Amino acid sequence: MHPTGTVSSLLHDLRRDGAPPLNVVSDAAAVSLDRLEAAIDAEVELSLVEQLRLLEAVLLHAPLHHDSARRLRNDLLASGTFAAASKTMPDRIRRQDSPPPRLRESPPPA
């Protein structure tokens, strides 16, 4: 079975419902239909950008799945923001823990 609360599960539901056809969503998101089918079957993992484009296409073309697509889009955007912030966090912590830089002493005036 497919995991719940993922883009893959939403696409699985779209394939099951048949409205709109997957090729419409695929074309609107600029993701090949073969790649889309592979993502539904968990054979490939879509990039964050591909997932966001697919969710935007679902928002435009599949009103029955609007709520799920919006929730997943918000979750993806939040996780992407958190991941970007956590990459820079160790640098900030390291700078606070390190001693202040030593000032270079200038030679005494002659």
PDB file of N, CA and C in Angstrom:
ATOM      1  N   MET A   1       0.845  -1.190   0.000  1.00  0.00           N
ATOM      2  CA  MET A   1       0.000   0.000   0.000  1.00  0.00           C
ATOM      3  C   MET A   1       0.882   1.242   0.000  1.00  0.00           C
ATOM      4  N   HIS A   2       0.340   2.363  -0.341  1.00  0.00           N
ATOM      5  CA  HIS A   2       1.092   3.609  -0.406  1.00  0.00           C
ATOM      6  C   HIS A   2       1.048   4.319   0.944  1.00  0.00           C
ATOM      7  N   PRO A   3       2.111   5.075   1.271  1.00  0.00           N
ATOM      8  CA  PRO A   3       2.106   5.816   2.529  1.00  0.00           C
ATOM      9  C   PRO A   3       1.060   6.922   2.510  1.00  0.00           C
ATOM     10  N   THR A   4       0.447   7.174   3.651  1.00  0.00           N
ATOM     11  CA  THR A   4      -0.568   8.218   3.709  1.00  0.00           C
ATOM     12  C   THR A   4       0.095   9.572   3.897  1.00  0.00           C
ATOM     13  N   GLY A   5      -0.557  10.597   3.397  1.00  0.00           N
ATOM     14  CA  GLY A   5      -0.069  11.957   3.591  1.00  0.00           C
ATOM     15  C   GLY A   5       1.117  12.322   2.738  1.00  0.00           C
ATOM     16  N   THR A   6       1.313  11.651   1.606  1.00  0.00           N
ATOM     17  CA  THR A   6       2.427  11.976   0.728  1.00  0.00           C
ATOM     18  C   THR A   6       1.911  12.331  -0.653  1.00  0.00           C
ATOM     19  N   VAL A   7       2.794  12.923  -1.434  1.00  0.00           N
ATOM     20  CA  VAL A   7       2.447  13.252  -2.805  1.00  0.00           C
ATOM     21  C   VAL A   7       2.127  11.965  -3.563  1.00  0.00           C
ATOM     22  N   SER A   8       2.872  10.910  -3.275  1.00  0.00           N
ATOM     23  CA  SER A   8       2.630   9.624  -3.921  1.00  0.00           C
ATOM     24  C   SER A   8       1.213   9.126  -3.656  1.00  0.00           C
ATOM     25  N   SER A   9       0.758   9.248  -2.417  1.00  0.00           N
ATOM     26  CA  SER A   9      -0.597   8.783  -2.100  1.00  0.00           C
ATOM     27  C   SER A   9      -1.654   9.641  -2.794  1.00  0.00           C
ATOM     28  N   LEU A  10      -1.400  10.932  -2.895  1.00  0.00           N
ATOM     29  CA  LEU A  10      -2.344  11.805  -3.603  1.00  0.00           C
ATOM     30  C   LEU A  10      -2.410  11.429  -5.075  1.00  0.00           C
ATOM     31  N   LEU A  11      -1.264  11.154  -5.682  1.00  0.00           N
ATOM     32  CA  LEU A  11      -1.244  10.757  -7.080  1.00  0.00           C
ATOM     33  C   LEU A  11      -1.903   9.393  -7.269  1.00  0.00           C
ATOM     34  N   HIS A  12      -1.724   8.523  -6.296  1.00  0.00           N
ATOM     35  CA  HIS A  12      -2.395   7.213  -6.345  1.00  0.00           C
ATOM     36  C   HIS A  12      -3.917   7.428  -6.354  1.00  0.00           C
ATOM     37  N   ASP A  13      -4.393   8.327  -5.519  1.00  0.00           N
ATOM     38  CA  ASP A  13      -5.830   8.635  -5.484  1.00  0.00           C
ATOM     39  C   ASP A  13      -6.309   9.229  -6.815  1.00  0.00           C
ATOM     40  N   LEU A  14      -5.494  10.087  -7.409  1.00  0.00           N
ATOM     41  CA  LEU A  14      -5.843  10.664  -8.709  1.00  0.00           C
ATOM     42  C   LEU A  14      -5.959   9.577  -9.771  1.00  0.00           C
ATOM     43  N   ARG A  15      -5.000   8.651  -9.760  1.00  0.00           N
ATOM     44  CA  ARG A  15      -5.031   7.567 -10.738  1.00  0.00           C
ATOM     45  C   ARG A  15      -6.287   6.712 -10.546  1.00  0.00           C
ATOM     46  N   ARG A  16      -6.639   6.456  -9.277  1.00  0.00           N
ATOM     47  CA  ARG A  16      -7.819   5.646  -8.971  1.00  0.00           C
ATOM     48  C   ARG A  16      -9.096   6.357  -9.429  1.00  0.00           C
ATOM     49  N   ASP A  17      -9.190   7.666  -9.143  1.00  0.00           N
ATOM     50  CA  ASP A  17     -10.399   8.423  -9.492  1.00  0.00           C
ATOM     51  C   ASP A  17     -10.515   8.680 -10.987  1.00  0.00           C
ATOM     52  N   GLY A  18      -9.390   8.867 -11.646  1.00  0.00           N
ATOM     53  CA  GLY A  18      -9.401   9.085 -13.094  1.00  0.00           C
ATOM     54  C   GLY A  18      -9.845  10.462 -13.532  1.00  0.00           C
ATOM     55  N   ALA A  19     -10.074  11.369 -12.621  1.00  0.00           N
ATOM     56  CA  ALA A  19     -10.478  12.724 -13.001  1.00  0.00           C
ATOM     57  C   ALA A  19      -9.661  13.724 -12.195  1.00  0.00           C
ATOM     58  N   PRO A  20      -8.828  14.492 -12.793  1.00  0.00           N
ATOM     59  CA  PRO A  20      -8.486  14.502 -14.207  1.00  0.00           C
ATOM     60  C   PRO A  20      -7.538  13.352 -14.538  1.00  0.00           C
ATOM     61  N   PRO A  21      -7.396  13.034 -15.809  1.00  0.00           N
ATOM     62  CA  PRO A  21      -6.434  11.991 -16.184  1.00  0.00           C
ATOM     63  C   PRO A  21      -5.021  12.387 -15.765  1.00  0.00           C
ATOM     64  N   LEU A  22      -4.205  11.402 -15.443  1.00  0.00           N
ATOM     65  CA  LEU A  22      -2.844  11.689 -14.991  1.00  0.00           C
ATOM     66  C   LEU A  22      -2.035  12.453 -16.026  1.00  0.00           C
ATOM     67  N   ASN A  23      -2.314  12.230 -17.315  1.00  0.00           N
ATOM     68  CA  ASN A  23      -1.531  12.953 -18.321  1.00  0.00           C
ATOM     69  C   ASN A  23      -1.788  14.455 -18.269  1.00  0.00           C
ATOM     70  N   VAL A  24      -2.966  14.876 -17.839  1.00  0.00           N
ATOM     71  CA  VAL A  24      -3.255  16.312 -17.690  1.00  0.00           C
ATOM     72  C   VAL A  24      -2.402  16.895 -16.567  1.00  0.00           C
ATOM     73  N   VAL A  25      -2.362  16.198 -15.432  1.00  0.00           N
ATOM     74  CA  VAL A  25      -1.546  16.652 -14.301  1.00  0.00           C
ATOM     75  C   VAL A  25      -0.072  16.606 -14.676  1.00  0.00           C
ATOM     76  N   SER A  26       0.336  15.547 -15.344  1.00  0.00           N
ATOM     77  CA  SER A  26       1.719  15.391 -15.771  1.00  0.00           C
ATOM     78  C   SER A  26       2.151  16.542 -16.685  1.00  0.00           C
ATOM     79  N   ASP A  27       1.325  16.848 -17.674  1.00  0.00           N
ATOM     80  CA  ASP A  27       1.635  17.943 -18.604  1.00  0.00           C
ATOM     81  C   ASP A  27       1.686  19.285 -17.888  1.00  0.00           C
ATOM     82  N   ALA A  28       0.735  19.526 -17.004  1.00  0.00           N
ATOM     83  CA  ALA A  28       0.686  20.804 -16.292  1.00  0.00           C
ATOM     84  C   ALA A  28       1.893  20.986 -15.367  1.00  0.00           C
ATOM     85  N   ALA A  29       2.403  19.876 -14.836  1.00  0.00           N
ATOM     86  CA  ALA A  29       3.536  19.952 -13.910  1.00  0.00           C
ATOM     87  C   ALA A  29       4.880  19.803 -14.617  1.00  0.00           C
ATOM     88  N   ALA A  30       4.855  19.519 -15.918  1.00  0.00           N
ATOM     89  CA  ALA A  30       6.086  19.300 -16.692  1.00  0.00           C
ATOM     90  C   ALA A  30       6.915  18.150 -16.123  1.00  0.00           C
ATOM     91  N   VAL A  31       6.225  17.087 -15.736  1.00  0.00           N
ATOM     92  CA  VAL A  31       6.863  15.859 -15.265  1.00  0.00           C
ATOM     93  C   VAL A  31       6.358  14.754 -16.188  1.00  0.00           C
ATOM     94  N   SER A  32       7.270  13.940 -16.698  1.00  0.00           N
ATOM     95  CA  SER A  32       6.841  12.908 -17.652  1.00  0.00           C
ATOM     96  C   SER A  32       5.861  11.941 -16.998  1.00  0.00           C
ATOM     97  N   LEU A  33       4.974  11.421 -17.807  1.00  0.00           N
ATOM     98  CA  LEU A  33       3.973  10.481 -17.308  1.00  0.00           C
ATOM     99  C   LEU A  33       4.640   9.211 -16.782  1.00  0.00           C
ATOM    100  N   ASP A  34       5.707   8.781 -17.438  1.00  0.00           N
ATOM    101  CA  ASP A  34       6.433   7.594 -16.957  1.00  0.00           C
ATOM    102  C   ASP A  34       7.018   7.833 -15.561  1.00  0.00           C
ATOM    103  N   ARG A  35       7.573   9.002 -15.367  1.00  0.00           N
ATOM    104  CA  ARG A  35       8.158   9.331 -14.051  1.00  0.00           C
ATOM    105  C   ARG A  35       7.052   9.433 -12.999  1.00  0.00           C
ATOM    106  N   LEU A  36       5.937   9.985 -13.380  1.00  0.00           N
ATOM    107  CA  LEU A  36       4.795  10.109 -12.476  1.00  0.00           C
ATOM    108  C   LEU A  36       4.295   8.726 -12.051  1.00  0.00           C
ATOM    109  N   GLU A  37       4.139   7.824 -13.015  1.00  0.00           N
ATOM    110  CA  GLU A  37       3.705   6.459 -12.708  1.00  0.00           C
ATOM    111  C   GLU A  37       4.720   5.767 -11.801  1.00  0.00           C
ATOM    112  N   ALA A  38       6.000   5.964 -12.059  1.00  0.00           N
ATOM    113  CA  ALA A  38       7.040   5.352 -11.232  1.00  0.00           C
ATOM    114  C   ALA A  38       7.002   5.901  -9.806  1.00  0.00           C
ATOM    115  N   ALA A  39       6.691   7.180  -9.664  1.00  0.00           N
ATOM    116  CA  ALA A  39       6.585   7.772  -8.326  1.00  0.00           C
ATOM    117  C   ALA A  39       5.379   7.214  -7.579  1.00  0.00           C
ATOM    118  N   ILE A  40       4.279   6.999  -8.287  1.00  0.00           N
ATOM    119  CA  ILE A  40       3.087   6.430  -7.662  1.00  0.00           C
ATOM    120  C   ILE A  40       3.388   5.029  -7.137  1.00  0.00           C
ATOM    121  N   ASP A  41       4.160   4.262  -7.913  1.00  0.00           N
ATOM    122  CA  ASP A  41       4.507   2.898  -7.528  1.00  0.00           C
ATOM    123  C   ASP A  41       5.738   2.839  -6.631  1.00  0.00           C
ATOM    124  N   ALA A  42       6.229   3.999  -6.162  1.00  0.00           N
ATOM    125  CA  ALA A  42       7.382   4.116  -5.255  1.00  0.00           C
ATOM    126  C   ALA A  42       8.660   3.543  -5.863  1.00  0.00           C
ATOM    127  N   GLU A  43       8.795   3.647  -7.172  1.00  0.00           N
ATOM    128  CA  GLU A  43      10.014   3.198  -7.837  1.00  0.00           C
ATOM    129  C   GLU A  43      11.044   4.311  -7.920  1.00  0.00           C
ATOM    130  N   VAL A  44      10.587   5.550  -7.927  1.00  0.00           N
ATOM    131  CA  VAL A  44      11.478   6.714  -7.928  1.00  0.00           C
ATOM    132  C   VAL A  44      10.963   7.715  -6.908  1.00  0.00           C
ATOM    133  N   GLU A  45      11.849   8.559  -6.477  1.00  0.00           N
ATOM    134  CA  GLU A  45      11.463   9.645  -5.563  1.00  0.00           C
ATOM    135  C   GLU A  45      11.557  10.958  -6.318  1.00  0.00           C
ATOM    136  N   LEU A  46      10.481  11.700  -6.311  1.00  0.00           N
ATOM    137  CA  LEU A  46      10.458  12.980  -7.010  1.00  0.00           C
ATOM    138  C   LEU A  46      11.203  14.027  -6.198  1.00  0.00           C
ATOM    139  N   SER A  47      11.828  14.956  -6.907  1.00  0.00           N
ATOM    140  CA  SER A  47      12.511  16.048  -6.220  1.00  0.00           C
ATOM    141  C   SER A  47      11.478  16.979  -5.571  1.00  0.00           C
ATOM    142  N   LEU A  48      11.943  17.810  -4.693  1.00  0.00           N
ATOM    143  CA  LEU A  48      11.061  18.771  -4.029  1.00  0.00           C
ATOM    144  C   LEU A  48      10.375  19.667  -5.055  1.00  0.00           C
ATOM    145  N   VAL A  49      11.115  20.117  -6.045  1.00  0.00           N
ATOM    146  CA  VAL A  49      10.555  20.993  -7.075  1.00  0.00           C
ATOM    147  C   VAL A  49       9.486  20.256  -7.877  1.00  0.00           C
ATOM    148  N   GLU A  50       9.753  19.001  -8.248  1.00  0.00           N
ATOM    149  CA  GLU A  50       8.754  18.229  -8.990  1.00  0.00           C
ATOM    150  C   GLU A  50       7.491  18.030  -8.164  1.00  0.00           C
ATOM    151  N   GLN A  51       7.663  17.730  -6.890  1.00  0.00           N
ATOM    152  CA  GLN A  51       6.506  17.540  -6.021  1.00  0.00           C
ATOM    153  C   GLN A  51       5.676  18.811  -5.926  1.00  0.00           C
ATOM    154  N   LEU A  52       6.343  19.942  -5.768  1.00  0.00           N
ATOM    155  CA  LEU A  52       5.618  21.213  -5.675  1.00  0.00           C
ATOM    156  C   LEU A  52       4.887  21.527  -6.976  1.00  0.00           C
ATOM    157  N   ARG A  53       5.528  21.271  -8.114  1.00  0.00           N
ATOM    158  CA  ARG A  53       4.857  21.503  -9.402  1.00  0.00           C
ATOM    159  C   ARG A  53       3.649  20.598  -9.556  1.00  0.00           C
ATOM    160  N   LEU A  54       3.783  19.339  -9.149  1.00  0.00           N
ATOM    161  CA  LEU A  54       2.647  18.415  -9.231  1.00  0.00           C
ATOM    162  C   LEU A  54       1.499  18.871  -8.343  1.00  0.00           C
ATOM    163  N   LEU A  55       1.812  19.324  -7.151  1.00  0.00           N
ATOM    164  CA  LEU A  55       0.756  19.786  -6.254  1.00  0.00           C
ATOM    165  C   LEU A  55       0.057  21.017  -6.804  1.00  0.00           C
ATOM    166  N   GLU A  56       0.809  21.906  -7.424  1.00  0.00           N
ATOM    167  CA  GLU A  56       0.189  23.077  -8.054  1.00  0.00           C
ATOM    168  C   GLU A  56      -0.727  22.643  -9.198  1.00  0.00           C
ATOM    169  N   ALA A  57      -0.296  21.637  -9.963  1.00  0.00           N
ATOM    170  CA  ALA A  57      -1.136  21.128 -11.059  1.00  0.00           C
ATOM    171  C   ALA A  57      -2.411  20.500 -10.513  1.00  0.00           C
ATOM    172  N   VAL A  58      -2.300  19.785  -9.402  1.00  0.00           N
ATOM    173  CA  VAL A  58      -3.489  19.190  -8.785  1.00  0.00           C
ATOM    174  C   VAL A  58      -4.429  20.296  -8.309  1.00  0.00           C
ATOM    175  N   LEU A  59      -3.873  21.336  -7.728  1.00  0.00           N
ATOM    176  CA  LEU A  59      -4.714  22.454  -7.277  1.00  0.00           C
ATOM    177  C   LEU A  59      -5.492  23.068  -8.449  1.00  0.00           C
ATOM    178  N   LEU A  60      -4.873  23.113  -9.610  1.00  0.00           N
ATOM    179  CA  LEU A  60      -5.532  23.706 -10.776  1.00  0.00           C
ATOM    180  C   LEU A  60      -6.525  22.772 -11.458  1.00  0.00           C
ATOM    181  N   HIS A  61      -6.218  21.478 -11.483  1.00  0.00           N
ATOM    182  CA  HIS A  61      -6.989  20.571 -12.329  1.00  0.00           C
ATOM    183  C   HIS A  61      -7.817  19.529 -11.593  1.00  0.00           C
ATOM    184  N   ALA A  62      -7.665  19.417 -10.275  1.00  0.00           N
ATOM    185  CA  ALA A  62      -8.398  18.378  -9.538  1.00  0.00           C
ATOM    186  C   ALA A  62      -9.049  18.971  -8.292  1.00  0.00           C
ATOM    187  N   PRO A  63     -10.177  19.644  -8.449  1.00  0.00           N
ATOM    188  CA  PRO A  63     -10.808  20.309  -7.303  1.00  0.00           C
ATOM    189  C   PRO A  63     -11.191  19.359  -6.165  1.00  0.00           C
ATOM    190  N   LEU A  64     -11.452  18.092  -6.467  1.00  0.00           N
ATOM    191  CA  LEU A  64     -11.805  17.151  -5.397  1.00  0.00           C
ATOM    192  C   LEU A  64     -10.633  16.894  -4.443  1.00  0.00           C
ATOM    193  N   HIS A  65      -9.427  17.113  -4.922  1.00  0.00           N
ATOM    194  CA  HIS A  65      -8.232  16.844  -4.122  1.00  0.00           C
ATOM    195  C   HIS A  65      -7.546  18.133  -3.673  1.00  0.00           C
ATOM    196  N   HIS A  66      -8.269  19.235  -3.761  1.00  0.00           N
ATOM    197  CA  HIS A  66      -7.704  20.549  -3.452  1.00  0.00           C
ATOM    198  C   HIS A  66      -7.168  20.626  -2.021  1.00  0.00           C
ATOM    199  N   ASP A  67      -7.950  20.159  -1.049  1.00  0.00           N
ATOM    200  CA  ASP A  67      -7.532  20.257   0.360  1.00  0.00           C
ATOM    201  C   ASP A  67      -6.263  19.459   0.633  1.00  0.00           C
ATOM    202  N   SER A  68      -6.204  18.248   0.116  1.00  0.00           N
ATOM    203  CA  SER A  68      -5.016  17.409   0.315  1.00  0.00           C
ATOM    204  C   SER A  68      -3.792  18.031  -0.347  1.00  0.00           C
ATOM    205  N   ALA A  69      -3.964  18.535  -1.552  1.00  0.00           N
ATOM    206  CA  ALA A  69      -2.845  19.139  -2.273  1.00  0.00           C
ATOM    207  C   ALA A  69      -2.323  20.378  -1.548  1.00  0.00           C
ATOM    208  N   ARG A  70      -3.230  21.189  -1.043  1.00  0.00           N
ATOM    209  CA  ARG A  70      -2.806  22.395  -0.318  1.00  0.00           C
ATOM    210  C   ARG A  70      -2.050  22.034   0.965  1.00  0.00           C
ATOM    211  N   ARG A  71      -2.564  21.053   1.701  1.00  0.00           N
ATOM    212  CA  ARG A  71      -1.911  20.637   2.947  1.00  0.00           C
ATOM    213  C   ARG A  71      -0.513  20.075   2.660  1.00  0.00           C
ATOM    214  N   LEU A  72      -0.414  19.221   1.643  1.00  0.00           N
ATOM    215  CA  LEU A  72       0.885  18.651   1.292  1.00  0.00           C
ATOM    216  C   LEU A  72       1.858  19.715   0.804  1.00  0.00           C
ATOM    217  N   ARG A  73       1.363  20.674   0.024  1.00  0.00           N
ATOM    218  CA  ARG A  73       2.229  21.762  -0.448  1.00  0.00           C
ATOM    219  C   ARG A  73       2.773  22.555   0.736  1.00  0.00           C
ATOM    220  N   ASN A  74       1.911  22.873   1.693  1.00  0.00           N
ATOM    221  CA  ASN A  74       2.360  23.615   2.869  1.00  0.00           C
ATOM    222  C   ASN A  74       3.366  22.811   3.677  1.00  0.00           C
ATOM    223  N   ASP A  75       3.134  21.495   3.806  1.00  0.00           N
ATOM    224  CA  ASP A  75       4.080  20.640   4.520  1.00  0.00           C
ATOM    225  C   ASP A  75       5.442  20.610   3.825  1.00  0.00           C
ATOM    226  N   LEU A  76       5.425  20.499   2.497  1.00  0.00           N
ATOM    227  CA  LEU A  76       6.682  20.478   1.747  1.00  0.00           C
ATOM    228  C   LEU A  76       7.433  21.795   1.869  1.00  0.00           C
ATOM    229  N   LEU A  77       6.703  22.889   1.763  1.00  0.00           N
ATOM    230  CA  LEU A  77       7.355  24.194   1.887  1.00  0.00           C
ATOM    231  C   LEU A  77       7.946  24.378   3.279  1.00  0.00           C
ATOM    232  N   ALA A  78       7.228  23.943   4.295  1.00  0.00           N
ATOM    233  CA  ALA A  78       7.731  24.065   5.663  1.00  0.00           C
ATOM    234  C   ALA A  78       8.954  23.190   5.875  1.00  0.00           C
ATOM    235  N   SER A  79       8.935  21.974   5.353  1.00  0.00           N
ATOM    236  CA  SER A  79      10.082  21.088   5.537  1.00  0.00           C
ATOM    237  C   SER A  79      11.291  21.605   4.773  1.00  0.00           C
ATOM    238  N   GLY A  80      11.071  22.181   3.594  1.00  0.00           N
ATOM    239  CA  GLY A  80      12.173  22.752   2.837  1.00  0.00           C
ATOM    240  C   GLY A  80      12.786  23.943   3.540  1.00  0.00           C
ATOM    241  N   THR A  81      11.964  24.769   4.155  1.00  0.00           N
ATOM    242  CA  THR A  81      12.450  25.919   4.915  1.00  0.00           C
ATOM    243  C   THR A  81      13.235  25.457   6.137  1.00  0.00           C
ATOM    244  N   PHE A  82      12.718  24.442   6.831  1.00  0.00           N
ATOM    245  CA  PHE A  82      13.399  23.923   8.013  1.00  0.00           C
ATOM    246  C   PHE A  82      14.740  23.321   7.633  1.00  0.00           C
ATOM    247  N   ALA A  83      14.780  22.556   6.535  1.00  0.00           N
ATOM    248  CA  ALA A  83      16.033  21.936   6.105  1.00  0.00           C
ATOM    249  C   ALA A  83      17.068  22.998   5.752  1.00  0.00           C
ATOM    250  N   ALA A  84      16.641  24.059   5.084  1.00  0.00           N
ATOM    251  CA  ALA A  84      17.570  25.127   4.722  1.00  0.00           C
ATOM    252  C   ALA A  84      18.090  25.836   5.967  1.00  0.00           C
ATOM    253  N   ALA A  85      17.231  26.045   6.941  1.00  0.00           N
ATOM    254  CA  ALA A  85      17.650  26.721   8.173  1.00  0.00           C
ATOM    255  C   ALA A  85      18.577  25.834   8.993  1.00  0.00           C
ATOM    256  N   SER A  86      18.336  24.539   9.019  1.00  0.00           N
ATOM    257  CA  SER A  86      19.164  23.659   9.846  1.00  0.00           C
ATOM    258  C   SER A  86      20.559  23.487   9.262  1.00  0.00           C
ATOM    259  N   LYS A  87      20.726  23.711   7.956  1.00  0.00           N
ATOM    260  CA  LYS A  87      22.056  23.628   7.363  1.00  0.00           C
ATOM    261  C   LYS A  87      22.946  24.767   7.845  1.00  0.00           C
ATOM    262  N   THR A  88      22.375  25.939   8.067  1.00  0.00           N
ATOM    263  CA  THR A  88      23.173  27.080   8.492  1.00  0.00           C
ATOM    264  C   THR A  88      23.282  27.173  10.006  1.00  0.00           C
ATOM    265  N   MET A  89      22.441  26.469  10.734  1.00  0.00           N
ATOM    266  CA  MET A  89      22.432  26.568  12.188  1.00  0.00           C
ATOM    267  C   MET A  89      23.754  26.151  12.826  1.00  0.00           C
ATOM    268  N   PRO A  90      24.378  25.031  12.462  1.00  0.00           N
ATOM    269  CA  PRO A  90      25.638  24.663  13.117  1.00  0.00           C
ATOM    270  C   PRO A  90      26.707  25.729  12.961  1.00  0.00           C
ATOM    271  N   ASP A  91      26.752  26.430  11.821  1.00  0.00           N
ATOM    272  CA  ASP A  91      27.722  27.502  11.639  1.00  0.00           C
ATOM    273  C   ASP A  91      27.485  28.621  12.642  1.00  0.00           C
ATOM    274  N   ARG A  92      26.235  28.951  12.865  1.00  0.00           N
ATOM    275  CA  ARG A  92      25.925  30.017  13.826  1.00  0.00           C
ATOM    276  C   ARG A  92      26.322  29.602  15.238  1.00  0.00           C
ATOM    277  N   ILE A  93      26.040  28.372  15.589  1.00  0.00           N
ATOM    278  CA  ILE A  93      26.381  27.890  16.924  1.00  0.00           C
ATOM    279  C   ILE A  93      27.891  27.851  17.098  1.00  0.00           C
ATOM    280  N   ARG A  94      28.602  27.372  16.089  1.00  0.00           N
ATOM    281  CA  ARG A  94      30.051  27.279  16.186  1.00  0.00           C
ATOM    282  C   ARG A  94      30.665  28.669  16.357  1.00  0.00           C
ATOM    283  N   ARG A  95      30.150  29.651  15.660  1.00  0.00           N
ATOM    284  CA  ARG A  95      30.694  31.003  15.790  1.00  0.00           C
ATOM    285  C   ARG A  95      30.477  31.564  17.188  1.00  0.00           C
ATOM    286  N   GLN A  96      29.357  31.225  17.819  1.00  0.00           N
ATOM    287  CA  GLN A  96      29.106  31.732  19.162  1.00  0.00           C
ATOM    288  C   GLN A  96      29.992  31.052  20.197  1.00  0.00           C
ATOM    289  N   ASP A  97      30.323  29.776  19.988  1.00  0.00           N
ATOM    290  CA  ASP A  97      31.134  29.036  20.948  1.00  0.00           C
ATOM    291  C   ASP A  97      32.617  29.304  20.806  1.00  0.00           C
ATOM    292  N   SER A  98      33.051  29.752  19.661  1.00  0.00           N
ATOM    293  CA  SER A  98      34.477  29.964  19.449  1.00  0.00           C
ATOM    294  C   SER A  98      34.903  31.275  20.123  1.00  0.00           C
ATOM    295  N   PRO A  99      36.154  31.316  20.545  1.00  0.00           N
ATOM    296  CA  PRO A  99      36.630  32.554  21.183  1.00  0.00           C
ATOM    297  C   PRO A  99      36.648  33.688  20.159  1.00  0.00           C
ATOM    298  N   PRO A 100      36.589  34.910  20.634  1.00  0.00           N
ATOM    299  CA  PRO A 100      36.619  36.035  19.703  1.00  0.00           C
ATOM    300  C   PRO A 100      37.958  36.067  18.969  1.00  0.00           C
ATOM    301  N   PRO A 101      37.983  36.591  17.786  1.00  0.00           N
ATOM    302  CA  PRO A 101      39.238  36.626  17.032  1.00  0.00           C
ATOM    303  C   PRO A 101      40.269  37.497  17.746  1.00  0.00           C
ATOM    304  N   ARG A 102      41.511  37.074  17.647  1.00  0.00           N
ATOM    305  CA  ARG A 102      42.594  37.868  18.264  1.00  0.00           C
ATOM    306  C   ARG A 102      42.950  39.025  17.358  1.00  0.00           C
ATOM    307  N   LEU A 103      43.121  40.156  17.963  1.00  0.00           N
ATOM    308  CA  LEU A 103      43.497  41.334  17.190  1.00  0.00           C
ATOM    309  C   LEU A 103      44.992  41.300  16.952  1.00  0.00           C
ATOM    310  N   ARG A 104      45.358  41.662  15.777  1.00  0.00           N
ATOM    311  CA  ARG A 104      46.778  41.707  15.446  1.00  0.00           C
ATOM    312  C   ARG A 104      47.367  42.939  16.111  1.00  0.00           C
ATOM    313  N   GLU A 105      48.452  42.704  16.817  1.00  0.00           N
ATOM    314  CA  GLU A 105      49.090  43.842  17.496  1.00  0.00           C
ATOM    315  C   GLU A 105      49.882  44.642  16.493  1.00  0.00           C
ATOM    316  N   SER A 106      49.716  45.949  16.571  1.00  0.00           N
ATOM    317  CA  SER A 106      50.487  46.797  15.671  1.00  0.00           C
ATOM    318  C   SER A 106      51.840  47.091  16.331  1.00  0.00           C
ATOM    319  N   PRO A 107      52.851  47.290  15.509  1.00  0.00           N
ATOM    320  CA  PRO A 107      54.180  47.591  16.078  1.00  0.00           C
ATOM    321  C   PRO A 107      54.146  48.959  16.782  1.00  0.00           C
ATOM    322  N   PRO A 108      54.960  49.094  17.808  1.00  0.00           N
ATOM    323  CA  PRO A 108      54.978  50.390  18.521  1.00  0.00           C
ATOM    324  C   PRO A 108      55.448  51.504  17.592  1.00  0.00           C
ATOM    325  N   PRO A 109      54.936  52.695  17.810  1.00  0.00           N
ATOM    326  CA  PRO A 109      55.367  53.821  16.947  1.00  0.00           C
ATOM    327  C   PRO A 109      56.864  54.081  17.132  1.00  0.00           C
ATOM    328  N   ALA A 110      57.506  54.462  16.076  1.00  0.00           N
ATOM    329  CA  ALA A 110      58.948  54.705  16.128  1.00  0.00           C
ATOM    330  C   ALA A 110      59.274  56.102  16.517  1.00  0.00           C
TER     331      ALA A 110
END
